[in-house]
Amino acid sequence: MSMGLRAWWIITPLLLLNACRAQGPGDSPKLDWRAFHETTMINVGGSIVPVLKDTSAEISLPPAPRLDLGLSSAIENRRSRRELTDEGITLEELSALVYYAIGITGESGGHPLRAAPSAGALYPTELVVAVHRVDGLEPGLYRYDPDKHCLVFYKKGNIKGALPAIALSQAHAGRGACVVIITSKVQRTLGKYGQRGYRYAMIDAGAACENLYLAAEALGLGTVAMGAFGDDALANLLGLGEDELPLLIMPVGHREK
């Protein structure tokens, strides 16, 4: 995982104790979890802000293709791959990436079942896809809707050039055919589990991240999970509300030969 060179995760033991104080279900989430989150944030200045145009469109995705690579091979071959080409990917490949990450894969008792586990079946993890070169899609920002297995197109424009600056000058943030940004609407979990829900939300996102890695491997594509970026800069670029946290940047594309 690409975390950058700054030891931004080091915080005082006193603050860590305060931020992670156990609270039971039903506790009103106040500032404890956010204090920890904000202490680990990165601020960047002077990043490129592209001009994006608001739009509203729903794009149906084709059914995700079956992935033939065996699970053992996918796990053994999974790597963080930073050297990606600008070659495009198909809509079917993008469909597979998002579906196998957090898509609805079945149902039980009338309740949908997902590809990734989630504490209390609350599913705070969301996927925002920044499209550079995907067949049939305009460059821009799309949000994946697992219930309909579709993309909601909400911003036109290419953010490829803005991502490396936001990701602390990591050039691979702008590579590949698209970038999947994993976000979390943590309040979905906090409402049931109190402050401990923050921990559960991070675990949920990690499960989706690994699913995305394995799906990319099975498709012959590459990706890398990037956790070092300017939090506010990325949230503003994606148009996230205060209730949604950006967690990981995952560029996806064909591997350089």
Protein backbone atom coordinates (compact mmCIF):
# COMPACT_ATOMS: atom_id res chain seq x y z
CA MET A 1 0.00 0.00 0.00
CA SER A 2 1.34 3.43 -0.94
CA MET A 3 1.32 5.54 2.20
CA GLY A 4 3.89 8.25 1.36
CA LEU A 5 6.96 9.13 3.38
CA ARG A 6 5.40 11.26 6.08
CA ALA A 7 4.79 9.67 9.44
CA TRP A 8 1.43 11.37 9.66
CA TRP A 9 -0.11 8.44 11.53
CA ILE A 10 1.96 9.12 14.69
CA ILE A 11 -0.18 10.74 17.38
CA THR A 12 0.18 11.19 21.12
CA PRO A 13 -0.89 8.26 23.31
CA LEU A 14 -3.25 10.55 25.22
CA LEU A 15 -5.13 11.59 22.07
CA LEU A 16 -5.25 8.01 20.81
CA LEU A 17 -6.73 6.89 24.11
CA ASN A 18 -9.33 9.65 23.97
CA ALA A 19 -10.17 9.10 20.30
CA CYS A 20 -10.61 5.34 20.61
CA ARG A 21 -12.45 5.30 23.96
CA ALA A 22 -14.89 2.41 23.82
CA GLN A 23 -18.53 3.38 23.81
CA GLY A 24 -21.47 1.10 23.51
CA PRO A 25 -24.17 0.91 20.86
CA GLY A 26 -26.56 3.82 20.97
CA ASP A 27 -24.02 6.34 22.27
CA SER A 28 -24.36 9.67 20.54
CA PRO A 29 -21.33 10.07 18.22
CA LYS A 30 -19.68 13.36 19.11
CA LEU A 31 -16.09 14.41 18.44
CA ASP A 32 -13.99 11.48 19.63
CA TRP A 33 -13.83 9.54 16.37
CA ARG A 34 -13.49 12.74 14.35
CA ALA A 35 -10.67 13.98 16.60
CA PHE A 36 -8.69 10.86 15.70
CA HIS A 37 -9.58 11.18 12.04
CA GLU A 38 -8.63 14.84 11.85
CA THR A 39 -5.33 14.24 13.67
CA THR A 40 -4.33 11.83 10.89
CA MET A 41 -5.38 14.10 8.03
CA ILE A 42 -2.97 15.58 5.48
CA ASN A 43 -3.31 19.12 4.19
CA VAL A 44 -2.01 20.06 0.73
CA GLY A 45 -1.92 23.47 -0.86
CA GLY A 46 -1.70 24.70 -4.42
CA SER A 47 -3.15 21.56 -5.99
CA ILE A 48 -4.65 21.79 -9.45
CA VAL A 49 -8.42 22.18 -9.40
CA PRO A 50 -9.93 21.26 -12.78
CA VAL A 51 -13.14 22.82 -13.98
CA LEU A 52 -15.91 20.25 -13.75
CA LYS A 53 -19.48 20.62 -14.94
CA ASP A 54 -22.45 19.29 -13.03
CA THR A 55 -24.48 16.66 -14.79
CA SER A 56 -27.02 14.02 -13.92
CA ALA A 57 -27.27 10.73 -15.73
CA GLU A 58 -27.71 7.09 -14.84
CA ILE A 59 -25.68 4.60 -16.88
CA SER A 60 -26.67 0.95 -16.68
CA LEU A 61 -23.77 -1.44 -16.40
CA PRO A 62 -23.61 -4.76 -18.22
CA PRO A 63 -23.64 -7.85 -16.03
CA ALA A 64 -20.24 -8.41 -14.49
CA PRO A 65 -18.38 -11.16 -16.39
CA ARG A 66 -17.34 -14.28 -14.53
CA LEU A 67 -13.71 -14.19 -13.44
CA ASP A 68 -11.88 -17.35 -14.42
CA LEU A 69 -8.67 -16.90 -12.43
CA GLY A 70 -8.70 -19.24 -9.45
CA LEU A 71 -8.84 -17.72 -5.98
CA SER A 72 -5.49 -19.20 -4.97
CA SER A 73 -3.81 -17.69 -8.03
CA ALA A 74 -5.50 -14.32 -7.53
CA ILE A 75 -4.31 -14.12 -3.92
CA GLU A 76 -0.79 -15.34 -4.68
CA ASN A 77 -0.33 -13.01 -7.65
CA ARG A 78 -1.94 -9.92 -6.11
CA ARG A 79 0.51 -7.03 -6.06
CA SER A 80 0.42 -3.26 -5.78
CA ARG A 81 1.06 -2.23 -9.39
CA ARG A 82 2.02 1.39 -10.00
CA GLU A 83 3.27 1.17 -13.58
CA LEU A 84 0.03 1.48 -15.55
CA THR A 85 -0.57 2.50 -19.16
CA ASP A 86 -3.09 5.00 -20.51
CA GLU A 87 -4.83 2.27 -22.55
CA GLY A 88 -8.58 2.21 -22.04
CA ILE A 89 -10.64 -0.54 -20.47
CA THR A 90 -14.07 -1.84 -21.44
CA LEU A 91 -17.33 -1.09 -19.68
CA GLU A 92 -17.57 -4.81 -18.88
CA GLU A 93 -14.23 -4.63 -17.08
CA LEU A 94 -15.32 -1.62 -15.05
CA SER A 95 -18.58 -3.42 -14.27
CA ALA A 96 -16.60 -6.35 -12.89
CA LEU A 97 -14.36 -4.11 -10.77
CA VAL A 98 -17.18 -2.35 -8.94
CA TYR A 99 -19.46 -5.40 -8.72
CA TYR A 100 -16.87 -7.69 -7.17
CA ALA A 101 -15.78 -4.90 -4.82
CA ILE A 102 -19.15 -4.06 -3.18
CA GLY A 103 -21.89 -5.29 -5.51
CA ILE A 104 -25.04 -7.18 -4.55
CA THR A 105 -24.32 -10.88 -5.08
CA GLY A 106 -27.46 -12.51 -3.64
CA GLU A 107 -30.27 -12.18 -1.13
CA SER A 108 -31.46 -13.82 2.06
CA GLY A 109 -34.90 -13.30 3.58
CA GLY A 110 -35.51 -10.39 1.24
CA HIS A 111 -32.28 -8.66 2.26
CA PRO A 112 -29.50 -8.05 -0.28
CA LEU A 113 -26.12 -9.69 0.26
CA ARG A 114 -22.94 -7.94 -0.81
CA ALA A 115 -19.54 -9.00 -2.13
CA ALA A 116 -17.87 -7.44 0.94
CA PRO A 117 -18.89 -7.93 4.59
CA SER A 118 -20.17 -5.03 6.66
CA ALA A 119 -20.80 -4.61 10.39
CA GLY A 120 -24.54 -4.72 11.01
CA ALA A 121 -25.15 -4.89 7.23
CA LEU A 122 -24.98 -1.07 7.21
CA TYR A 123 -22.59 -0.72 4.24
CA PRO A 124 -20.93 2.67 4.76
CA THR A 125 -18.43 2.01 1.95
CA GLU A 126 -19.04 3.86 -1.32
CA LEU A 127 -17.18 3.89 -4.65
CA VAL A 128 -16.58 7.02 -6.70
CA VAL A 129 -15.05 6.31 -10.13
CA ALA A 130 -13.00 8.95 -11.91
CA VAL A 131 -13.14 7.88 -15.55
CA HIS A 132 -10.27 8.72 -17.88
CA ARG A 133 -10.63 6.16 -20.70
CA VAL A 134 -13.48 3.67 -20.42
CA ASP A 135 -15.34 2.56 -23.54
CA GLY A 136 -18.70 4.29 -23.84
CA LEU A 137 -18.21 6.70 -20.91
CA GLU A 138 -17.37 10.40 -20.88
CA PRO A 139 -14.47 11.48 -18.66
CA GLY A 140 -15.80 12.55 -15.30
CA LEU A 141 -16.94 11.43 -11.87
CA TYR A 142 -19.39 8.59 -11.37
CA ARG A 143 -20.82 7.03 -8.23
CA TYR A 144 -21.56 3.31 -8.18
CA ASP A 145 -25.08 2.31 -7.14
CA PRO A 146 -25.00 -1.37 -6.03
CA ASP A 147 -28.80 -1.58 -5.76
CA LYS A 148 -29.23 -0.94 -9.48
CA HIS A 149 -25.74 -2.02 -10.58
CA CYS A 150 -25.36 1.26 -12.41
CA LEU A 151 -23.18 4.36 -12.45
CA VAL A 152 -24.56 7.76 -11.56
CA PHE A 153 -22.71 10.35 -13.66
CA TYR A 154 -22.54 13.58 -11.66
CA LYS A 155 -19.49 15.61 -12.81
CA LYS A 156 -18.13 16.06 -16.34
CA GLY A 157 -14.42 16.62 -16.82
CA ASN A 158 -11.10 14.83 -16.46
CA ILE A 159 -9.39 14.98 -13.06
CA LYS A 160 -6.38 12.94 -14.20
CA GLY A 161 -4.01 15.89 -13.94
CA ALA A 162 -5.20 16.92 -10.47
CA LEU A 163 -4.72 13.61 -8.69
CA PRO A 164 -0.90 13.42 -8.43
CA ALA A 165 -0.69 16.82 -6.69
CA ILE A 166 -3.46 15.84 -4.28
CA ALA A 167 -1.65 12.53 -3.65
CA LEU A 168 1.57 14.24 -2.49
CA SER A 169 3.23 14.20 -5.93
CA GLN A 170 2.75 10.46 -6.45
CA ALA A 171 2.62 10.27 -10.25
CA HIS A 172 0.82 6.92 -10.37
CA ALA A 173 -2.32 8.51 -8.90
CA GLY A 174 -3.05 9.87 -12.37
CA ARG A 175 -2.23 6.74 -14.35
CA GLY A 176 -4.48 4.07 -15.77
CA ALA A 177 -7.90 4.08 -17.40
CA CYS A 178 -9.82 5.10 -14.29
CA VAL A 179 -9.43 5.68 -10.59
CA VAL A 180 -11.69 4.09 -7.99
CA ILE A 181 -11.88 6.21 -4.86
CA ILE A 182 -13.12 4.34 -1.80
CA THR A 183 -15.11 6.55 0.55
CA SER A 184 -17.09 5.96 3.72
CA LYS A 185 -20.34 7.41 5.02
CA VAL A 186 -19.36 6.57 8.58
CA GLN A 187 -22.55 7.86 10.17
CA ARG A 188 -24.35 4.79 8.85
CA THR A 189 -22.26 2.69 11.24
CA LEU A 190 -21.85 5.18 14.08
CA GLY A 191 -25.60 5.41 14.53
CA LYS A 192 -25.71 1.78 15.66
CA TYR A 193 -22.29 1.18 17.19
CA GLY A 194 -21.32 4.56 18.62
CA GLN A 195 -17.65 5.51 18.51
CA ARG A 196 -16.56 1.94 17.76
CA GLY A 197 -18.46 2.20 14.49
CA TYR A 198 -15.56 4.25 13.10
CA ARG A 199 -13.33 1.21 13.45
CA TYR A 200 -15.91 -1.01 11.80
CA ALA A 201 -16.27 1.41 8.88
CA MET A 202 -12.52 1.28 8.23
CA ILE A 203 -12.59 -2.53 8.30
CA ASP A 204 -15.48 -2.50 5.81
CA ALA A 205 -13.48 -0.31 3.43
CA GLY A 206 -10.46 -2.61 3.72
CA ALA A 207 -12.56 -5.59 2.63
CA ALA A 208 -13.74 -3.68 -0.46
CA CYS A 209 -10.16 -2.67 -1.22
CA GLU A 210 -8.94 -6.29 -1.23
CA ASN A 211 -11.88 -7.36 -3.40
CA LEU A 212 -10.92 -4.67 -5.91
CA TYR A 213 -7.30 -5.86 -5.90
CA LEU A 214 -8.37 -9.45 -6.60
CA ALA A 215 -10.85 -8.47 -9.32
CA ALA A 216 -8.18 -6.38 -11.06
CA GLU A 217 -5.75 -9.30 -10.88
CA ALA A 218 -8.32 -11.69 -12.37
CA LEU A 219 -8.96 -9.22 -15.23
CA GLY A 220 -5.26 -8.91 -16.02
CA LEU A 221 -5.28 -5.29 -14.81
CA GLY A 222 -3.26 -3.54 -12.14
CA THR A 223 -4.07 -1.30 -9.20
CA VAL A 224 -2.54 0.10 -6.02
CA ALA A 225 -4.17 1.36 -2.82
CA MET A 226 -3.00 4.88 -1.99
CA GLY A 227 -3.69 6.30 1.45
CA ALA A 228 -1.50 9.43 1.32
CA PHE A 229 -3.44 12.40 -0.04
CA GLY A 230 -4.84 15.75 0.97
CA ASP A 231 -8.13 14.83 2.61
CA ASP A 232 -9.96 18.12 2.15
CA ALA A 233 -8.53 18.62 -1.35
CA LEU A 234 -9.77 15.21 -2.50
CA ALA A 235 -13.14 15.59 -0.80
CA ASN A 236 -13.65 18.98 -2.47
CA LEU A 237 -12.61 17.64 -5.86
CA LEU A 238 -15.10 14.77 -5.59
CA GLY A 239 -17.85 16.99 -4.18
CA LEU A 240 -18.25 14.91 -1.02
CA GLY A 241 -20.50 16.08 1.79
CA GLU A 242 -19.41 16.40 5.41
CA ASP A 243 -20.80 12.95 6.14
CA GLU A 244 -18.47 11.20 3.66
CA LEU A 245 -14.74 10.57 4.11
CA PRO A 246 -12.30 9.77 1.28
CA LEU A 247 -10.19 6.78 2.32
CA LEU A 248 -8.28 5.29 -0.61
CA ILE A 249 -7.28 6.23 -4.15
CA MET A 250 -6.97 3.19 -6.42
CA PRO A 251 -5.86 3.86 -10.02
CA VAL A 252 -6.75 0.94 -12.31
CA GLY A 253 -5.41 0.14 -15.75
CA HIS A 254 -3.39 -2.13 -17.98
CA ARG A 255 0.05 -3.01 -16.71
CA GLU A 256 3.13 -1.79 -18.49
CA LYS A 257 4.83 -4.65 -20.33
